[in-house]
PDB file of N, CA and C in Angstrom:
ATOM      1  N   UNK A   1      95.670  98.968 125.564  1.00  0.00           N
ATOM      2  CA  UNK A   1      94.730  99.076 125.093  1.00  0.00           C
ATOM      3  C   UNK A   1      95.096  99.321 123.237  1.00  0.00           C
ATOM      4  N   UNK A   2      95.865 100.032 123.198  1.00  0.00           N
ATOM      5  CA  UNK A   2      96.412 100.022 121.778  1.00  0.00           C
ATOM      6  C   UNK A   2      96.736  98.906 121.235  1.00  0.00           C
ATOM      7  N   UNK A   3      97.360  97.952 121.419  1.00  0.00           N
ATOM      8  CA  UNK A   3      97.437  96.658 120.904  1.00  0.00           C
ATOM      9  C   UNK A   3      96.620  96.285 120.503  1.00  0.00           C
ATOM     10  N   UNK A   4      95.060  95.848 121.488  1.00  0.00           N
ATOM     11  CA  UNK A   4      93.876  95.408 120.907  1.00  0.00           C
ATOM     12  C   UNK A   4      92.973  96.146 120.012  1.00  0.00           C
ATOM     13  N   UNK A   5      92.891  97.684 120.190  1.00  0.00           N
ATOM     14  CA  UNK A   5      92.393  98.300 119.354  1.00  0.00           C
ATOM     15  C   UNK A   5      92.870  98.466 118.110  1.00  0.00           C
ATOM     16  N   UNK A   6      94.186  98.076 117.682  1.00  0.00           N
ATOM     17  CA  UNK A   6      94.671  97.433 116.331  1.00  0.00           C
ATOM     18  C   UNK A   6      94.395  96.552 115.532  1.00  0.00           C
ATOM     19  N   UNK A   7      93.924  95.819 116.646  1.00  0.00           N
ATOM     20  CA  UNK A   7      93.467  94.288 115.654  1.00  0.00           C
ATOM     21  C   UNK A   7      92.256  94.424 115.108  1.00  0.00           C
ATOM     22  N   UNK A   8      92.484  93.378 113.854  1.00  0.00           N
ATOM     23  CA  UNK A   8      90.911  93.450 113.115  1.00  0.00           C
ATOM     24  C   UNK A   8      90.130  92.872 113.844  1.00  0.00           C
ATOM     25  N   UNK A   9      88.925  93.458 113.409  1.00  0.00           N
ATOM     26  CA  UNK A   9      87.663  93.283 113.802  1.00  0.00           C
ATOM     27  C   UNK A   9      87.295  93.987 115.167  1.00  0.00           C
ATOM     28  N   UNK A  10      88.072  94.945 116.049  1.00  0.00           N
ATOM     29  CA  UNK A  10      87.975  95.216 117.145  1.00  0.00           C
ATOM     30  C   UNK A  10      87.568  96.842 117.057  1.00  0.00           C
ATOM     31  N   UNK A  11      86.426  97.436 117.428  1.00  0.00           N
ATOM     32  CA  UNK A  11      86.513  98.814 117.542  1.00  0.00           C
ATOM     33  C   UNK A  11      86.318  99.407 115.793  1.00  0.00           C
ATOM     34  N   UNK A  12      85.694  98.673 115.190  1.00  0.00           N
ATOM     35  CA  UNK A  12      85.737  99.063 113.679  1.00  0.00           C
ATOM     36  C   UNK A  12      84.486 100.385 113.248  1.00  0.00           C
ATOM     37  N   UNK A  13      83.620 100.491 114.330  1.00  0.00           N
ATOM     38  CA  UNK A  13      83.077 101.678 113.950  1.00  0.00           C
ATOM     39  C   UNK A  13      83.613 102.917 114.340  1.00  0.00           C
ATOM     40  N   UNK A  14      84.617 103.030 115.775  1.00  0.00           N
ATOM     41  CA  UNK A  14      85.446 104.063 115.820  1.00  0.00           C
ATOM     42  C   UNK A  14      86.272 104.539 114.669  1.00  0.00           C
ATOM     43  N   UNK A  15      87.051 103.031 114.024  1.00  0.00           N
ATOM     44  CA  UNK A  15      88.037 103.392 113.318  1.00  0.00           C
ATOM     45  C   UNK A  15      87.453 103.964 112.038  1.00  0.00           C
ATOM     46  N   UNK A  16      86.276 103.673 111.667  1.00  0.00           N
ATOM     47  CA  UNK A  16      85.750 104.004 110.621  1.00  0.00           C
ATOM     48  C   UNK A  16      85.083 105.422 110.654  1.00  0.00           C
ATOM     49  N   UNK A  17      84.843 105.803 112.038  1.00  0.00           N
ATOM     50  CA  UNK A  17      84.713 107.589 112.254  1.00  0.00           C
ATOM     51  C   UNK A  17      85.396 107.913 112.153  1.00  0.00           C
ATOM     52  N   UNK A  18      87.059 107.742 112.622  1.00  0.00           N
ATOM     53  CA  UNK A  18      88.560 108.460 112.618  1.00  0.00           C
ATOM     54  C   UNK A  18      88.476 108.737 111.072  1.00  0.00           C
ATOM     55  N   UNK A  19      88.682 107.833 110.374  1.00  0.00           N
ATOM     56  CA  UNK A  19      88.966 107.897 108.732  1.00  0.00           C
ATOM     57  C   UNK A  19      87.519 108.389 108.084  1.00  0.00           C
ATOM     58  N   UNK A  20      86.158 108.595 108.569  1.00  0.00           N
ATOM     59  CA  UNK A  20      85.435 109.571 108.079  1.00  0.00           C
ATOM     60  C   UNK A  20      85.938 110.876 108.242  1.00  0.00           C
ATOM     61  N   UNK A  21      86.217 111.134 109.616  1.00  0.00           N
ATOM     62  CA  UNK A  21      86.769 112.404 109.618  1.00  0.00           C
ATOM     63  C   UNK A  21      87.984 112.608 109.091  1.00  0.00           C
ATOM     64  N   UNK A  22      88.818 111.929 108.527  1.00  0.00           N
ATOM     65  CA  UNK A  22      90.062 112.217 108.069  1.00  0.00           C
ATOM     66  C   UNK A  22      89.350 112.684 106.490  1.00  0.00           C
ATOM     67  N   UNK A  23      88.720 111.955 106.103  1.00  0.00           N
ATOM     68  CA  UNK A  23      87.600 112.211 104.637  1.00  0.00           C
ATOM     69  C   UNK A  23      87.393 113.592 104.874  1.00  0.00           C
ATOM     70  N   UNK A  24      86.682 113.878 105.755  1.00  0.00           N
ATOM     71  CA  UNK A  24      85.832 115.695 105.763  1.00  0.00           C
ATOM     72  C   UNK A  24      86.927 116.500 105.665  1.00  0.00           C
ATOM     73  N   UNK A  25      88.250 116.497 106.569  1.00  0.00           N
ATOM     74  CA  UNK A  25      89.110 117.221 106.690  1.00  0.00           C
ATOM     75  C   UNK A  25      89.885 117.604 105.284  1.00  0.00           C
ATOM     76  N   UNK A  26      90.284 116.520 104.645  1.00  0.00           N
ATOM     77  CA  UNK A  26      90.954 116.209 103.543  1.00  0.00           C
ATOM     78  C   UNK A  26      90.155 116.571 102.380  1.00  0.00           C
ATOM     79  N   UNK A  27      88.761 116.490 102.505  1.00  0.00           N
ATOM     80  CA  UNK A  27      87.321 117.311 101.628  1.00  0.00           C
ATOM     81  C   UNK A  27      88.003 118.570 101.481  1.00  0.00           C
ATOM     82  N   UNK A  28      87.669 119.559 102.848  1.00  0.00           N
ATOM     83  CA  UNK A  28      87.502 120.899 103.255  1.00  0.00           C
ATOM     84  C   UNK A  28      89.065 121.304 102.422  1.00  0.00           C
ATOM     85  N   UNK A  29      90.215 120.651 102.935  1.00  0.00           N
ATOM     86  CA  UNK A  29      91.260 121.012 102.368  1.00  0.00           C
ATOM     87  C   UNK A  29      91.512 121.151 100.793  1.00  0.00           C
ATOM     88  N   UNK A  30      91.015 119.989 100.217  1.00  0.00           N
ATOM     89  CA  UNK A  30      91.064 119.843  98.464  1.00  0.00           C
ATOM     90  C   UNK A  30      89.991 120.824  97.994  1.00  0.00           C
ATOM     91  N   UNK A  31      89.257 121.338  98.714  1.00  0.00           N
ATOM     92  CA  UNK A  31      88.163 122.378  97.969  1.00  0.00           C
ATOM     93  C   UNK A  31      88.642 123.655  98.311  1.00  0.00           C
ATOM     94  N   UNK A  32      89.245 123.879  99.369  1.00  0.00           N
ATOM     95  CA  UNK A  32      89.871 125.189  99.354  1.00  0.00           C
ATOM     96  C   UNK A  32      91.194 125.385  98.431  1.00  0.00           C
ATOM     97  N   UNK A  33      91.675 124.467  98.206  1.00  0.00           N
ATOM     98  CA  UNK A  33      93.083 124.322  97.539  1.00  0.00           C
ATOM     99  C   UNK A  33      92.555 124.337  95.958  1.00  0.00           C
ATOM    100  N   UNK A  34      91.647 124.089  95.786  1.00  0.00           N
ATOM    101  CA  UNK A  34      91.296 123.659  94.192  1.00  0.00           C
ATOM    102  C   UNK A  34      90.518 125.256  94.159  1.00  0.00           C
ATOM    103  N   UNK A  35      89.655 125.840  94.791  1.00  0.00           N
ATOM    104  CA  UNK A  35      89.250 127.329  94.761  1.00  0.00           C
ATOM    105  C   UNK A  35      90.157 128.301  94.659  1.00  0.00           C
ATOM    106  N   UNK A  36      91.311 128.401  95.582  1.00  0.00           N
ATOM    107  CA  UNK A  36      92.523 129.022  95.676  1.00  0.00           C
ATOM    108  C   UNK A  36      93.216 129.011  94.535  1.00  0.00           C
ATOM    109  N   UNK A  37      93.672 127.768  93.673  1.00  0.00           N
ATOM    110  CA  UNK A  37      94.305 127.954  92.650  1.00  0.00           C
ATOM    111  C   UNK A  37      93.496 128.283  91.299  1.00  0.00           C
ATOM    112  N   UNK A  38      92.170 128.575  91.347  1.00  0.00           N
ATOM    113  CA  UNK A  38      91.307 128.414  90.183  1.00  0.00           C
ATOM    114  C   UNK A  38      91.440 130.423  90.485  1.00  0.00           C
ATOM    115  N   UNK A  39      92.006 131.011  91.537  1.00  0.00           N
ATOM    116  CA  UNK A  39      91.770 132.564  91.437  1.00  0.00           C
ATOM    117  C   UNK A  39      93.354 132.962  91.431  1.00  0.00           C
ATOM    118  N   UNK A  40      94.307 132.257  92.064  1.00  0.00           N
ATOM    119  CA  UNK A  40      95.604 132.239  91.907  1.00  0.00           C
ATOM    120  C   UNK A  40      96.395 131.198  91.383  1.00  0.00           C
ATOM    121  N   UNK A  41      97.017 131.134  90.378  1.00  0.00           N
ATOM    122  CA  UNK A  41      97.994 130.196  89.728  1.00  0.00           C
ATOM    123  C   UNK A  41      98.810 129.766  90.058  1.00  0.00           C
ATOM    124  N   UNK A  42      99.027 129.436  91.583  1.00  0.00           N
ATOM    125  CA  UNK A  42     100.130 129.521  92.221  1.00  0.00           C
ATOM    126  C   UNK A  42     100.227 127.830  92.027  1.00  0.00           C
ATOM    127  N   UNK A  43     101.691 127.319  91.708  1.00  0.00           N
ATOM    128  CA  UNK A  43     102.030 126.021  91.581  1.00  0.00           C
ATOM    129  C   UNK A  43     101.497 125.019  93.001  1.00  0.00           C
ATOM    130  N   UNK A  44     102.199 125.470  93.690  1.00  0.00           N
ATOM    131  CA  UNK A  44     101.769 124.704  95.241  1.00  0.00           C
ATOM    132  C   UNK A  44     100.536 124.505  95.723  1.00  0.00           C
ATOM    133  N   UNK A  45      99.651 125.463  95.174  1.00  0.00           N
ATOM    134  CA  UNK A  45      98.035 125.307  95.187  1.00  0.00           C
ATOM    135  C   UNK A  45      97.549 124.289  94.310  1.00  0.00           C
ATOM    136  N   UNK A  46      98.295 124.226  93.106  1.00  0.00           N
ATOM    137  CA  UNK A  46      97.601 123.044  92.338  1.00  0.00           C
ATOM    138  C   UNK A  46      98.524 121.389  92.939  1.00  0.00           C
ATOM    139  N   UNK A  47      99.198 121.672  93.265  1.00  0.00           N
ATOM    140  CA  UNK A  47      99.981 120.341  93.888  1.00  0.00           C
ATOM    141  C   UNK A  47      99.107 119.996  95.291  1.00  0.00           C
ATOM    142  N   UNK A  48      98.712 121.156  95.872  1.00  0.00           N
ATOM    143  CA  UNK A  48      98.230 120.603  97.009  1.00  0.00           C
ATOM    144  C   UNK A  48      96.629 119.870  96.941  1.00  0.00           C
ATOM    145  N   UNK A  49      96.164 120.596  95.713  1.00  0.00           N
ATOM    146  CA  UNK A  49      94.709 120.254  95.228  1.00  0.00           C
ATOM    147  C   UNK A  49      94.626 118.808  94.941  1.00  0.00           C
ATOM    148  N   UNK A  50      95.991 118.407  94.104  1.00  0.00           N
ATOM    149  CA  UNK A  50      95.842 117.006  93.932  1.00  0.00           C
ATOM    150  C   UNK A  50      95.888 115.858  94.675  1.00  0.00           C
ATOM    151  N   UNK A  51      97.153 116.606  95.704  1.00  0.00           N
ATOM    152  CA  UNK A  51      97.693 115.717  96.882  1.00  0.00           C
ATOM    153  C   UNK A  51      96.260 115.480  97.858  1.00  0.00           C
ATOM    154  N   UNK A  52      95.594 116.381  98.170  1.00  0.00           N
ATOM    155  CA  UNK A  52      94.269 116.474  99.158  1.00  0.00           C
ATOM    156  C   UNK A  52      93.127 115.749  98.608  1.00  0.00           C
ATOM    157  N   UNK A  53      92.873 115.601  97.015  1.00  0.00           N
ATOM    158  CA  UNK A  53      92.088 115.033  96.361  1.00  0.00           C
ATOM    159  C   UNK A  53      92.310 113.450  96.439  1.00  0.00           C
ATOM    160  N   UNK A  54      93.367 113.212  96.214  1.00  0.00           N
ATOM    161  CA  UNK A  54      93.923 112.006  96.179  1.00  0.00           C
ATOM    162  C   UNK A  54      93.951 111.220  97.948  1.00  0.00           C
ATOM    163  N   UNK A  55      94.208 112.188  98.827  1.00  0.00           N
ATOM    164  CA  UNK A  55      93.830 111.849 100.214  1.00  0.00           C
ATOM    165  C   UNK A  55      92.286 111.646 100.300  1.00  0.00           C
ATOM    166  N   UNK A  56      91.679 112.212 100.034  1.00  0.00           N
ATOM    167  CA  UNK A  56      89.978 111.844  99.966  1.00  0.00           C
ATOM    168  C   UNK A  56      89.720 110.673  99.691  1.00  0.00           C
ATOM    169  N   UNK A  57      90.061 110.125  98.465  1.00  0.00           N
ATOM    170  CA  UNK A  57      89.936 108.928  97.879  1.00  0.00           C
ATOM    171  C   UNK A  57      90.408 107.665  98.925  1.00  0.00           C
ATOM    172  N   UNK A  58      91.622 107.789  99.052  1.00  0.00           N
ATOM    173  CA  UNK A  58      92.462 107.084 100.237  1.00  0.00           C
ATOM    174  C   UNK A  58      91.572 106.890 101.457  1.00  0.00           C
ATOM    175  N   UNK A  59      91.178 107.888 101.920  1.00  0.00           N
ATOM    176  CA  UNK A  59      90.534 107.846 103.475  1.00  0.00           C
ATOM    177  C   UNK A  59      88.878 107.218 102.875  1.00  0.00           C
ATOM    178  N   UNK A  60      88.315 107.611 102.162  1.00  0.00           N
ATOM    179  CA  UNK A  60      87.284 106.456 101.641  1.00  0.00           C
ATOM    180  C   UNK A  60      87.590 105.472 101.384  1.00  0.00           C
ATOM    181  N   UNK A  61      88.361 105.182 101.045  1.00  0.00           N
ATOM    182  CA  UNK A  61      88.819 103.558 100.722  1.00  0.00           C
ATOM    183  C   UNK A  61      88.737 102.943 102.206  1.00  0.00           C
ATOM    184  N   UNK A  62      89.638 103.491 103.326  1.00  0.00           N
ATOM    185  CA  UNK A  62      89.834 103.020 104.575  1.00  0.00           C
ATOM    186  C   UNK A  62      88.770 102.988 104.948  1.00  0.00           C
ATOM    187  N   UNK A  63      88.016 104.266 105.282  1.00  0.00           N
ATOM    188  CA  UNK A  63      86.644 104.020 105.924  1.00  0.00           C
ATOM    189  C   UNK A  63      85.802 102.863 105.568  1.00  0.00           C
ATOM    190  N   UNK A  64      85.503 102.801 104.164  1.00  0.00           N
ATOM    191  CA  UNK A  64      84.746 101.718 103.729  1.00  0.00           C
ATOM    192  C   UNK A  64      85.678  99.962 104.243  1.00  0.00           C
ATOM    193  N   UNK A  65      86.573  99.996 104.252  1.00  0.00           N
ATOM    194  CA  UNK A  65      87.314  98.839 104.756  1.00  0.00           C
ATOM    195  C   UNK A  65      86.870  98.635 106.338  1.00  0.00           C
ATOM    196  N   UNK A  66      86.355  99.590 107.118  1.00  0.00           N
ATOM    197  CA  UNK A  66      85.890  99.462 108.300  1.00  0.00           C
ATOM    198  C   UNK A  66      84.220  98.996 108.655  1.00  0.00           C
ATOM    199  N   UNK A  67      83.861  99.776 107.352  1.00  0.00           N
ATOM    200  CA  UNK A  67      82.221  99.522 107.560  1.00  0.00           C
ATOM    201  C   UNK A  67      81.784  98.041 106.846  1.00  0.00           C
ATOM    202  N   UNK A  68      82.392  97.984 105.778  1.00  0.00           N
ATOM    203  CA  UNK A  68      82.069  96.600 104.860  1.00  0.00           C
ATOM    204  C   UNK A  68      82.366  95.480 105.927  1.00  0.00           C
ATOM    205  N   UNK A  69      81.919  94.150 105.945  1.00  0.00           N
ATOM    206  CA  UNK A  69      81.840  93.228 106.702  1.00  0.00           C
ATOM    207  C   UNK A  69      83.101  92.394 106.363  1.00  0.00           C
TER     208      UNK A  69
END
């Protein structure tokens, strides 16, 4: 099953849904870290905010790969 699922053009809606879910999770984590950093200027929160914001962009790109023909 896994080798078939990993092929291009197979189960694209499922793959898009997985990446879409990852986008939402990364967005929540980015939002939390941005808000926390605004209140507690701790370095790791700023780093996390940047990392999770970049992850949102990456996952949007991956989602669109599976949505677009």
